[in-house]
Amino acid sequence: MNFNFNASLATANLAKAYAIRNNKAFSMISIKTMIHNVFLLQRFIALSGIRPNKNLNDKLVKGLIEFATIAA
């Protein structure tokens, strides 16, 4: 039980640090949404078999990752 509690607190602290570093308002649901979007994007790319050009698609990928997050 202690491990689960400590893991939860560590996750919240990492999410807050990410928000502060990127000058964004802290919202745990936004962090969760971004992590989910990253997972889906990686999954789509892996299943499609296409090798994307990261330099060309940086702005588009950032937009997809931040899709549906709370803008404050």
PDB file of N, CA and C in Angstrom:
ATOM      1  N   MET A   1       0.828  -1.188   0.000  1.00  0.00           N
ATOM      2  CA  MET A   1       0.000   0.000   0.000  1.00  0.00           C
ATOM      3  C   MET A   1       0.875   1.256   0.000  1.00  0.00           C
ATOM      4  N   ASN A   2       1.991   1.236   0.698  1.00  0.00           N
ATOM      5  CA  ASN A   2       2.874   2.398   0.728  1.00  0.00           C
ATOM      6  C   ASN A   2       3.444   2.704  -0.651  1.00  0.00           C
ATOM      7  N   PHE A   3       3.787   1.649  -1.405  1.00  0.00           N
ATOM      8  CA  PHE A   3       4.330   1.862  -2.744  1.00  0.00           C
ATOM      9  C   PHE A   3       3.316   2.572  -3.626  1.00  0.00           C
ATOM     10  N   ASN A   4       2.060   2.143  -3.579  1.00  0.00           N
ATOM     11  CA  ASN A   4       1.017   2.763  -4.402  1.00  0.00           C
ATOM     12  C   ASN A   4       0.827   4.231  -4.038  1.00  0.00           C
ATOM     13  N   PHE A   5       0.843   4.524  -2.757  1.00  0.00           N
ATOM     14  CA  PHE A   5       0.678   5.897  -2.302  1.00  0.00           C
ATOM     15  C   PHE A   5       1.841   6.761  -2.775  1.00  0.00           C
ATOM     16  N   ASN A   6       3.062   6.256  -2.618  1.00  0.00           N
ATOM     17  CA  ASN A   6       4.242   7.003  -3.050  1.00  0.00           C
ATOM     18  C   ASN A   6       4.274   7.180  -4.568  1.00  0.00           C
ATOM     19  N   ALA A   7       3.851   6.168  -5.313  1.00  0.00           N
ATOM     20  CA  ALA A   7       3.811   6.276  -6.776  1.00  0.00           C
ATOM     21  C   ALA A   7       2.808   7.337  -7.211  1.00  0.00           C
ATOM     22  N   SER A   8       1.675   7.424  -6.532  1.00  0.00           N
ATOM     23  CA  SER A   8       0.669   8.437  -6.852  1.00  0.00           C
ATOM     24  C   SER A   8       1.198   9.840  -6.596  1.00  0.00           C
ATOM     25  N   LEU A   9       1.858  10.026  -5.464  1.00  0.00           N
ATOM     26  CA  LEU A   9       2.422  11.341  -5.149  1.00  0.00           C
ATOM     27  C   LEU A   9       3.541  11.715  -6.117  1.00  0.00           C
ATOM     28  N   ALA A  10       4.363  10.751  -6.483  1.00  0.00           N
ATOM     29  CA  ALA A  10       5.448  11.022  -7.434  1.00  0.00           C
ATOM     30  C   ALA A  10       4.878  11.422  -8.792  1.00  0.00           C
ATOM     31  N   THR A  11       3.819  10.764  -9.224  1.00  0.00           N
ATOM     32  CA  THR A  11       3.187  11.097 -10.494  1.00  0.00           C
ATOM     33  C   THR A  11       2.617  12.507 -10.474  1.00  0.00           C
ATOM     34  N   ALA A  12       1.968  12.869  -9.393  1.00  0.00           N
ATOM     35  CA  ALA A  12       1.413  14.224  -9.270  1.00  0.00           C
ATOM     36  C   ALA A  12       2.528  15.265  -9.279  1.00  0.00           C
ATOM     37  N   ASN A  13       3.623  14.987  -8.605  1.00  0.00           N
ATOM     38  CA  ASN A  13       4.751  15.919  -8.579  1.00  0.00           C
ATOM     39  C   ASN A  13       5.399  16.063  -9.955  1.00  0.00           C
ATOM     40  N   LEU A  14       5.534  14.961 -10.692  1.00  0.00           N
ATOM     41  CA  LEU A  14       6.093  15.031 -12.036  1.00  0.00           C
ATOM     42  C   LEU A  14       5.179  15.826 -12.969  1.00  0.00           C
ATOM     43  N   ALA A  15       3.875  15.657 -12.816  1.00  0.00           N
ATOM     44  CA  ALA A  15       2.923  16.406 -13.644  1.00  0.00           C
ATOM     45  C   ALA A  15       3.004  17.902 -13.331  1.00  0.00           C
ATOM     46  N   LYS A  16       3.127  18.249 -12.071  1.00  0.00           N
ATOM     47  CA  LYS A  16       3.271  19.663 -11.693  1.00  0.00           C
ATOM     48  C   LYS A  16       4.567  20.244 -12.231  1.00  0.00           C
ATOM     49  N   ALA A  17       5.646  19.484 -12.159  1.00  0.00           N
ATOM     50  CA  ALA A  17       6.936  19.958 -12.674  1.00  0.00           C
ATOM     51  C   ALA A  17       6.862  20.176 -14.183  1.00  0.00           C
ATOM     52  N   TYR A  18       6.187  19.280 -14.898  1.00  0.00           N
ATOM     53  CA  TYR A  18       6.005  19.436 -16.340  1.00  0.00           C
ATOM     54  C   TYR A  18       5.229  20.720 -16.643  1.00  0.00           C
ATOM     55  N   ALA A  19       4.161  20.969 -15.901  1.00  0.00           N
ATOM     56  CA  ALA A  19       3.342  22.164 -16.122  1.00  0.00           C
ATOM     57  C   ALA A  19       4.149  23.434 -15.857  1.00  0.00           C
ATOM     58  N   ILE A  20       4.938  23.442 -14.807  1.00  0.00           N
ATOM     59  CA  ILE A  20       5.748  24.617 -14.481  1.00  0.00           C
ATOM     60  C   ILE A  20       6.820  24.839 -15.547  1.00  0.00           C
ATOM     61  N   ARG A  21       7.483  23.773 -15.980  1.00  0.00           N
ATOM     62  CA  ARG A  21       8.552  23.890 -16.968  1.00  0.00           C
ATOM     63  C   ARG A  21       8.035  24.416 -18.309  1.00  0.00           C
ATOM     64  N   ASN A  22       6.805  24.063 -18.672  1.00  0.00           N
ATOM     65  CA  ASN A  22       6.240  24.466 -19.956  1.00  0.00           C
ATOM     66  C   ASN A  22       5.277  25.639 -19.849  1.00  0.00           C
ATOM     67  N   ASN A  23       5.283  26.335 -18.709  1.00  0.00           N
ATOM     68  CA  ASN A  23       4.432  27.507 -18.481  1.00  0.00           C
ATOM     69  C   ASN A  23       2.960  27.236 -18.793  1.00  0.00           C
ATOM     70  N   LYS A  24       2.470  26.134 -18.296  1.00  0.00           N
ATOM     71  CA  LYS A  24       1.065  25.759 -18.486  1.00  0.00           C
ATOM     72  C   LYS A  24       0.392  25.680 -17.120  1.00  0.00           C
ATOM     73  N   ALA A  25      -0.913  25.874 -17.122  1.00  0.00           N
ATOM     74  CA  ALA A  25      -1.665  25.719 -15.888  1.00  0.00           C
ATOM     75  C   ALA A  25      -1.713  24.227 -15.545  1.00  0.00           C
ATOM     76  N   PHE A  26      -1.585  23.909 -14.260  1.00  0.00           N
ATOM     77  CA  PHE A  26      -1.582  22.503 -13.848  1.00  0.00           C
ATOM     78  C   PHE A  26      -3.000  21.961 -13.832  1.00  0.00           C
ATOM     79  N   SER A  27      -3.192  20.889 -14.555  1.00  0.00           N
ATOM     80  CA  SER A  27      -4.456  20.171 -14.562  1.00  0.00           C
ATOM     81  C   SER A  27      -4.135  18.695 -14.770  1.00  0.00           C
ATOM     82  N   MET A  28      -4.455  17.881 -13.796  1.00  0.00           N
ATOM     83  CA  MET A  28      -4.125  16.460 -13.885  1.00  0.00           C
ATOM     84  C   MET A  28      -4.862  15.809 -15.049  1.00  0.00           C
ATOM     85  N   ILE A  29      -6.083  16.250 -15.336  1.00  0.00           N
ATOM     86  CA  ILE A  29      -6.823  15.665 -16.452  1.00  0.00           C
ATOM     87  C   ILE A  29      -6.152  16.016 -17.780  1.00  0.00           C
ATOM     88  N   SER A  30      -5.567  17.217 -17.889  1.00  0.00           N
ATOM     89  CA  SER A  30      -4.847  17.588 -19.112  1.00  0.00           C
ATOM     90  C   SER A  30      -3.604  16.727 -19.290  1.00  0.00           C
ATOM     91  N   ILE A  31      -2.881  16.492 -18.207  1.00  0.00           N
ATOM     92  CA  ILE A  31      -1.693  15.638 -18.272  1.00  0.00           C
ATOM     93  C   ILE A  31      -2.093  14.227 -18.686  1.00  0.00           C
ATOM     94  N   LYS A  32      -3.166  13.718 -18.103  1.00  0.00           N
ATOM     95  CA  LYS A  32      -3.647  12.382 -18.437  1.00  0.00           C
ATOM     96  C   LYS A  32      -4.066  12.307 -19.907  1.00  0.00           C
ATOM     97  N   THR A  33      -4.739  13.345 -20.387  1.00  0.00           N
ATOM     98  CA  THR A  33      -5.164  13.388 -21.787  1.00  0.00           C
ATOM     99  C   THR A  33      -3.961  13.413 -22.717  1.00  0.00           C
ATOM    100  N   MET A  34      -2.933  14.203 -22.374  1.00  0.00           N
ATOM    101  CA  MET A  34      -1.738  14.273 -23.206  1.00  0.00           C
ATOM    102  C   MET A  34      -1.025  12.919 -23.263  1.00  0.00           C
ATOM    103  N   ILE A  35      -0.917  12.242 -22.142  1.00  0.00           N
ATOM    104  CA  ILE A  35      -0.270  10.929 -22.113  1.00  0.00           C
ATOM    105  C   ILE A  35      -1.052   9.932 -22.960  1.00  0.00           C
ATOM    106  N   HIS A  36      -2.380   9.998 -22.872  1.00  0.00           N
ATOM    107  CA  HIS A  36      -3.225   9.118 -23.678  1.00  0.00           C
ATOM    108  C   HIS A  36      -3.054   9.423 -25.169  1.00  0.00           C
ATOM    109  N   ASN A  37      -2.990  10.710 -25.521  1.00  0.00           N
ATOM    110  CA  ASN A  37      -2.806  11.094 -26.916  1.00  0.00           C
ATOM    111  C   ASN A  37      -1.460  10.623 -27.454  1.00  0.00           C
ATOM    112  N   VAL A  38      -0.414  10.703 -26.640  1.00  0.00           N
ATOM    113  CA  VAL A  38       0.912  10.210 -27.060  1.00  0.00           C
ATOM    114  C   VAL A  38       0.839   8.710 -27.326  1.00  0.00           C
ATOM    115  N   PHE A  39       0.191   7.980 -26.435  1.00  0.00           N
ATOM    116  CA  PHE A  39       0.057   6.536 -26.615  1.00  0.00           C
ATOM    117  C   PHE A  39      -0.683   6.219 -27.917  1.00  0.00           C
ATOM    118  N   LEU A  40      -1.812   6.907 -28.156  1.00  0.00           N
ATOM    119  CA  LEU A  40      -2.578   6.648 -29.374  1.00  0.00           C
ATOM    120  C   LEU A  40      -1.789   6.995 -30.627  1.00  0.00           C
ATOM    121  N   LEU A  41      -1.081   8.114 -30.607  1.00  0.00           N
ATOM    122  CA  LEU A  41      -0.294   8.517 -31.763  1.00  0.00           C
ATOM    123  C   LEU A  41       0.807   7.501 -32.055  1.00  0.00           C
ATOM    124  N   GLN A  42       1.493   7.036 -31.018  1.00  0.00           N
ATOM    125  CA  GLN A  42       2.534   6.023 -31.207  1.00  0.00           C
ATOM    126  C   GLN A  42       1.934   4.727 -31.736  1.00  0.00           C
ATOM    127  N   ARG A  43       0.775   4.378 -31.256  1.00  0.00           N
ATOM    128  CA  ARG A  43       0.100   3.148 -31.692  1.00  0.00           C
ATOM    129  C   ARG A  43      -0.298   3.236 -33.164  1.00  0.00           C
ATOM    130  N   PHE A  44      -0.880   4.377 -33.565  1.00  0.00           N
ATOM    131  CA  PHE A  44      -1.273   4.564 -34.961  1.00  0.00           C
ATOM    132  C   PHE A  44      -0.066   4.489 -35.886  1.00  0.00           C
ATOM    133  N   ILE A  45       1.025   5.121 -35.493  1.00  0.00           N
ATOM    134  CA  ILE A  45       2.238   5.112 -36.318  1.00  0.00           C
ATOM    135  C   ILE A  45       2.802   3.701 -36.414  1.00  0.00           C
ATOM    136  N   ALA A  46       2.822   2.977 -35.298  1.00  0.00           N
ATOM    137  CA  ALA A  46       3.357   1.614 -35.302  1.00  0.00           C
ATOM    138  C   ALA A  46       2.519   0.679 -36.170  1.00  0.00           C
ATOM    139  N   LEU A  47       1.203   0.808 -36.109  1.00  0.00           N
ATOM    140  CA  LEU A  47       0.345  -0.081 -36.882  1.00  0.00           C
ATOM    141  C   LEU A  47       0.306   0.275 -38.362  1.00  0.00           C
ATOM    142  N   SER A  48       0.544   1.542 -38.699  1.00  0.00           N
ATOM    143  CA  SER A  48       0.482   1.942 -40.105  1.00  0.00           C
ATOM    144  C   SER A  48       1.717   1.487 -40.875  1.00  0.00           C
ATOM    145  N   GLY A  49       2.829   1.312 -40.193  1.00  0.00           N
ATOM    146  CA  GLY A  49       4.053   0.888 -40.851  1.00  0.00           C
ATOM    147  C   GLY A  49       4.789   2.012 -41.560  1.00  0.00           C
ATOM    148  N   ILE A  50       4.337   3.238 -41.379  1.00  0.00           N
ATOM    149  CA  ILE A  50       4.965   4.394 -42.005  1.00  0.00           C
ATOM    150  C   ILE A  50       6.039   4.941 -41.078  1.00  0.00           C
ATOM    151  N   ARG A  51       7.166   5.351 -41.652  1.00  0.00           N
ATOM    152  CA  ARG A  51       8.246   5.968 -40.877  1.00  0.00           C
ATOM    153  C   ARG A  51       8.108   7.482 -41.018  1.00  0.00           C
ATOM    154  N   PRO A  52       7.500   8.168 -40.032  1.00  0.00           N
ATOM    155  CA  PRO A  52       7.275   9.611 -40.175  1.00  0.00           C
ATOM    156  C   PRO A  52       8.562  10.420 -40.070  1.00  0.00           C
ATOM    157  N   ASN A  53       8.590  11.550 -40.750  1.00  0.00           N
ATOM    158  CA  ASN A  53       9.706  12.484 -40.695  1.00  0.00           C
ATOM    159  C   ASN A  53       9.470  13.416 -39.516  1.00  0.00           C
ATOM    160  N   LYS A  54      10.215  13.229 -38.430  1.00  0.00           N
ATOM    161  CA  LYS A  54       9.975  13.982 -37.198  1.00  0.00           C
ATOM    162  C   LYS A  54      10.173  15.483 -37.387  1.00  0.00           C
ATOM    163  N   ASN A  55      11.189  15.884 -38.139  1.00  0.00           N
ATOM    164  CA  ASN A  55      11.433  17.314 -38.353  1.00  0.00           C
ATOM    165  C   ASN A  55      10.290  17.980 -39.101  1.00  0.00           C
ATOM    166  N   LEU A  56       9.719  17.292 -40.049  1.00  0.00           N
ATOM    167  CA  LEU A  56       8.634  17.839 -40.850  1.00  0.00           C
ATOM    168  C   LEU A  56       7.321  17.912 -40.062  1.00  0.00           C
ATOM    169  N   ASN A  57       7.090  16.957 -39.199  1.00  0.00           N
ATOM    170  CA  ASN A  57       5.798  16.851 -38.516  1.00  0.00           C
ATOM    171  C   ASN A  57       5.795  17.344 -37.075  1.00  0.00           C
ATOM    172  N   ASP A  58       6.844  18.007 -36.606  1.00  0.00           N
ATOM    173  CA  ASP A  58       6.929  18.431 -35.200  1.00  0.00           C
ATOM    174  C   ASP A  58       5.726  19.253 -34.753  1.00  0.00           C
ATOM    175  N   LYS A  59       5.350  20.259 -35.529  1.00  0.00           N
ATOM    176  CA  LYS A  59       4.238  21.130 -35.149  1.00  0.00           C
ATOM    177  C   LYS A  59       2.911  20.356 -35.144  1.00  0.00           C
ATOM    178  N   LEU A  60       2.723  19.481 -36.128  1.00  0.00           N
ATOM    179  CA  LEU A  60       1.493  18.696 -36.196  1.00  0.00           C
ATOM    180  C   LEU A  60       1.393  17.721 -35.030  1.00  0.00           C
ATOM    181  N   VAL A  61       2.513  17.081 -34.697  1.00  0.00           N
ATOM    182  CA  VAL A  61       2.520  16.125 -33.586  1.00  0.00           C
ATOM    183  C   VAL A  61       2.222  16.842 -32.274  1.00  0.00           C
ATOM    184  N   LYS A  62       2.819  18.019 -32.070  1.00  0.00           N
ATOM    185  CA  LYS A  62       2.554  18.783 -30.851  1.00  0.00           C
ATOM    186  C   LYS A  62       1.076  19.131 -30.750  1.00  0.00           C
ATOM    187  N   GLY A  63       0.475  19.524 -31.864  1.00  0.00           N
ATOM    188  CA  GLY A  63      -0.951  19.831 -31.875  1.00  0.00           C
ATOM    189  C   GLY A  63      -1.811  18.621 -31.551  1.00  0.00           C
ATOM    190  N   LEU A  64      -1.430  17.458 -32.069  1.00  0.00           N
ATOM    191  CA  LEU A  64      -2.189  16.241 -31.782  1.00  0.00           C
ATOM    192  C   LEU A  64      -2.049  15.818 -30.329  1.00  0.00           C
ATOM    193  N   ILE A  65      -0.853  15.996 -29.777  1.00  0.00           N
ATOM    194  CA  ILE A  65      -0.633  15.609 -28.383  1.00  0.00           C
ATOM    195  C   ILE A  65      -1.440  16.499 -27.448  1.00  0.00           C
ATOM    196  N   GLU A  66      -1.501  17.783 -27.758  1.00  0.00           N
ATOM    197  CA  GLU A  66      -2.225  18.724 -26.889  1.00  0.00           C
ATOM    198  C   GLU A  66      -3.716  18.821 -27.215  1.00  0.00           C
ATOM    199  N   PHE A  67      -4.196  18.019 -28.163  1.00  0.00           N
ATOM    200  CA  PHE A  67      -5.601  18.032 -28.534  1.00  0.00           C
ATOM    201  C   PHE A  67      -6.477  17.655 -27.338  1.00  0.00           C
ATOM    202  N   ALA A  68      -7.496  18.404 -27.091  1.00  0.00           N
ATOM    203  CA  ALA A  68      -8.498  18.180 -26.036  1.00  0.00           C
ATOM    204  C   ALA A  68      -7.974  18.434 -24.628  1.00  0.00           C
ATOM    205  N   THR A  69      -6.837  19.128 -24.491  1.00  0.00           N
ATOM    206  CA  THR A  69      -6.387  19.496 -23.159  1.00  0.00           C
ATOM    207  C   THR A  69      -7.001  20.832 -22.785  1.00  0.00           C
ATOM    208  N   ILE A  70      -7.031  21.124 -21.518  1.00  0.00           N
ATOM    209  CA  ILE A  70      -7.619  22.362 -21.012  1.00  0.00           C
ATOM    210  C   ILE A  70      -6.637  23.498 -21.245  1.00  0.00           C
ATOM    211  N   ALA A  71      -7.079  24.537 -21.935  1.00  0.00           N
ATOM    212  CA  ALA A  71      -6.232  25.707 -22.173  1.00  0.00           C
ATOM    213  C   ALA A  71      -6.588  26.770 -21.139  1.00  0.00           C
ATOM    214  N   ALA A  72      -5.645  27.055 -20.267  1.00  0.00           N
ATOM    215  CA  ALA A  72      -5.921  28.036 -19.217  1.00  0.00           C
ATOM    216  C   ALA A  72      -4.956  29.191 -19.301  1.00  0.00           C
TER     217      ALA A  72
END
